[in-house]
Protein backbone atom coordinates (compact mmCIF):
# COMPACT_ATOMS: atom_id res chain seq x y z
CA UNK A 1 150.77 266.82 41.43
CA UNK A 2 151.75 270.44 41.77
CA UNK A 3 149.28 271.74 39.19
CA UNK A 4 146.39 269.40 39.97
CA UNK A 5 146.22 269.73 43.75
CA UNK A 6 149.36 270.45 45.77
CA UNK A 7 149.44 274.21 45.02
CA UNK A 8 145.74 274.78 45.74
CA UNK A 9 144.93 276.43 49.09
CA UNK A 10 141.34 275.22 48.83
CA UNK A 11 142.50 271.59 48.57
CA UNK A 12 144.95 271.86 51.48
CA UNK A 13 142.72 274.01 53.71
CA UNK A 14 142.01 271.17 56.15
CA UNK A 15 145.22 269.16 55.70
CA UNK A 16 148.27 268.95 57.93
CA UNK A 17 150.52 270.39 55.21
CA UNK A 18 150.43 273.76 53.47
CA UNK A 19 150.04 274.26 49.75
CA UNK A 20 153.22 273.97 47.78
CA UNK A 21 154.46 277.37 46.64
CA UNK A 22 156.80 276.08 43.93
CA UNK A 23 157.22 273.03 41.73
CA UNK A 24 160.43 272.43 43.69
CA UNK A 25 158.35 271.87 46.86
CA UNK A 26 156.47 269.10 45.09
CA UNK A 27 159.65 267.62 43.63
CA UNK A 28 161.17 267.42 47.12
CA UNK A 29 158.13 265.57 48.48
CA UNK A 30 158.06 263.15 45.55
CA UNK A 31 161.80 262.49 45.98
CA UNK A 32 161.18 261.69 49.66
CA UNK A 33 158.32 259.36 48.79
CA UNK A 34 160.27 257.53 46.10
CA UNK A 35 163.28 257.15 48.42
CA UNK A 36 160.97 255.35 50.87
CA UNK A 37 159.56 252.88 48.33
CA UNK A 38 162.24 250.31 49.22
CA UNK A 39 160.70 250.13 52.70
CA UNK A 40 158.07 247.40 52.76
CA UNK A 41 156.05 249.40 55.28
CA UNK A 42 155.57 252.53 53.16
CA UNK A 43 152.16 252.99 51.60
CA UNK A 44 151.67 256.01 49.29
CA UNK A 45 149.72 256.02 46.06
CA UNK A 46 148.82 258.52 43.39
CA UNK A 47 145.20 258.58 42.25
CA UNK A 48 145.21 258.55 38.46
CA UNK A 49 142.39 259.58 36.14
CA UNK A 50 141.70 256.72 33.71
CA UNK A 51 140.50 259.25 31.15
CA UNK A 52 143.61 261.46 31.12
CA UNK A 53 146.17 259.12 32.74
CA UNK A 54 147.38 261.96 34.94
CA UNK A 55 147.61 262.17 38.73
CA UNK A 56 144.65 263.91 40.35
CA UNK A 57 145.26 263.15 44.04
CA UNK A 58 147.06 261.01 46.56
CA UNK A 59 146.22 258.59 49.33
CA UNK A 60 148.40 256.79 51.83
CA UNK A 61 149.13 255.59 55.31
CA UNK A 62 150.25 258.55 57.38
CA UNK A 63 151.02 256.50 60.50
CA UNK A 64 150.55 252.98 61.79
CA UNK A 65 151.17 250.68 64.71
CA UNK A 66 152.28 247.25 63.57
CA UNK A 67 151.83 245.54 66.94
CA UNK A 68 148.29 246.93 67.34
CA UNK A 69 147.63 246.28 63.63
CA UNK A 70 146.07 249.65 62.83
CA UNK A 71 146.83 252.34 60.28
CA UNK A 72 145.82 255.97 59.83
CA UNK A 73 144.94 256.98 56.28
CA UNK A 74 145.18 260.42 54.73
CA UNK A 75 144.12 261.60 51.29
CA UNK A 76 143.58 264.63 49.08
CA UNK A 77 142.17 265.23 45.63
CA UNK A 78 142.28 268.10 43.17
CA UNK A 79 139.10 270.17 43.46
CA UNK A 80 138.21 269.71 39.77
CA UNK A 81 137.56 266.03 40.59
CA UNK A 82 135.60 266.53 43.82
CA UNK A 83 132.21 264.84 44.00
CA UNK A 84 132.90 262.38 41.16
CA UNK A 85 133.53 259.27 43.27
CA UNK A 86 137.29 259.11 42.71
CA UNK A 87 138.19 259.34 46.39
CA UNK A 88 135.54 256.83 47.47
CA UNK A 89 136.91 254.37 44.92
CA UNK A 90 140.49 255.02 46.05
CA UNK A 91 139.74 254.72 49.77
CA UNK A 92 137.83 251.49 49.22
CA UNK A 93 140.66 250.00 47.14
CA UNK A 94 143.34 251.05 49.64
CA UNK A 95 141.24 249.70 52.53
CA UNK A 96 140.94 246.34 50.80
CA UNK A 97 144.67 246.24 50.16
CA UNK A 98 145.59 247.18 53.74
CA UNK A 99 143.20 244.62 55.21
CA UNK A 100 143.63 241.74 52.77
CA UNK A 101 147.26 242.06 51.67
CA UNK A 102 149.03 243.88 54.51
CA UNK A 103 147.00 242.42 57.38
CA UNK A 104 145.88 245.43 59.38
CA UNK A 105 142.93 244.84 61.72
CA UNK A 106 141.62 248.41 61.75
CA UNK A 107 141.95 251.58 59.73
CA UNK A 108 141.37 255.11 60.94
CA UNK A 109 140.90 258.45 59.24
CA UNK A 110 139.84 261.90 60.33
CA UNK A 111 138.36 265.02 58.78
CA UNK A 112 137.55 268.57 59.75
CA UNK A 113 133.90 268.95 60.70
CA UNK A 114 133.88 271.90 58.27
CA UNK A 115 134.78 269.43 55.50
CA UNK A 116 131.81 267.06 55.62
CA UNK A 117 132.46 265.75 52.10
CA UNK A 118 135.57 263.99 53.36
CA UNK A 119 133.49 262.38 56.11
CA UNK A 120 130.95 261.22 53.50
CA UNK A 121 133.75 259.47 51.60
CA UNK A 122 134.71 257.59 54.75
CA UNK A 123 131.08 256.79 55.54
CA UNK A 124 130.50 255.37 52.03
CA UNK A 125 133.48 253.09 52.60
CA UNK A 126 132.12 251.77 55.90
CA UNK A 127 134.12 253.93 58.32
CA UNK A 128 132.11 254.58 61.49
CA UNK A 129 132.20 257.76 63.53
CA UNK A 130 134.27 257.28 66.69
CA UNK A 131 133.91 260.82 67.98
CA UNK A 132 134.76 264.45 67.49
CA UNK A 133 137.57 266.32 69.19
CA UNK A 134 136.77 270.00 69.66
CA UNK A 135 139.34 272.50 68.39
CA UNK A 136 141.75 269.61 67.93
CA UNK A 137 143.64 271.07 64.97
CA UNK A 138 144.93 274.56 64.21
CA UNK A 139 144.73 275.31 60.49
CA UNK A 140 147.33 277.18 58.48
CA UNK A 141 145.16 280.30 58.75
CA UNK A 142 145.16 280.02 62.55
CA UNK A 143 141.60 278.70 62.85
CA UNK A 144 140.98 276.01 65.45
CA UNK A 145 139.00 273.16 63.87
CA UNK A 146 136.86 270.39 65.29
CA UNK A 147 138.04 267.03 63.92
CA UNK A 148 135.88 263.92 63.54
CA UNK A 149 137.57 260.54 63.81
CA UNK A 150 136.28 257.46 61.97
CA UNK A 151 137.40 253.86 61.74
CA UNK A 152 136.61 250.53 60.16
CA UNK A 153 137.50 247.05 61.36
CA UNK A 154 138.65 244.26 59.07
CA UNK A 155 135.57 242.21 60.04
CA UNK A 156 133.32 245.10 58.99
CA UNK A 157 135.14 245.48 55.68
CA UNK A 158 134.82 241.73 54.98
CA UNK A 159 131.06 241.91 55.68
CA UNK A 160 130.76 244.80 53.18
CA UNK A 161 132.70 242.79 50.59
CA UNK A 162 130.37 239.81 51.08
CA UNK A 163 127.29 242.01 50.61
CA UNK A 164 128.79 243.41 47.39
CA UNK A 165 129.50 239.92 46.10
CA UNK A 166 125.94 238.90 46.83
CA UNK A 167 124.50 241.99 45.13
CA UNK A 168 126.65 241.60 42.02
CA UNK A 169 126.75 237.78 42.00
CA UNK A 170 130.54 237.84 41.89
C-alpha cells in the first residue's frame, strides 16, 4: 500500500487524507482497518492486481446511514494503474455487494471537478450527477476545489445488471 499509492502526492491530491510520509503511517492505518473487521458494518477492501497479486488501491464505505439505507464510497488507485479499468471494475463489484448483500438503497460518491477521470469511473458504473458544490473542499495545498456529487439507486443498478445479462446471455 505504501509503495503503490499511499505515499504518492499525485494519488492523494484530491483525497481527504494526505500522503503517508513513512511506512509506519501506512501500518497504523492498516492496523486500524484490521481492528475494525470484527464490526459487521465495516467495508474496506484492497484492490489486487491479478497479474502480480499485490495491492494497487483501496475502496470502501467512508460513511453511511443505516436508517436511510445509503452509503458514501471512497477509493484510490496507484497512478501506474490509472486508465486500465481496475477502478471501474472495483466500484461496480463493490456497488453490487452493497446493494445485493448489504441492502443499501443508494450509494453516493464525489470527486474533484479537476479530477474528471474519477467522475468517469462513477459514470461508467451508473452513478448520476447530483450537482456540484463550489469550493466545497480545501486541498492539502490550500486550494479550494469544486466537488461533484454522484449517486446510484439500487433500482438503477438492478436495471444495469439486467441489461448486462441480456447482452451476455447470462
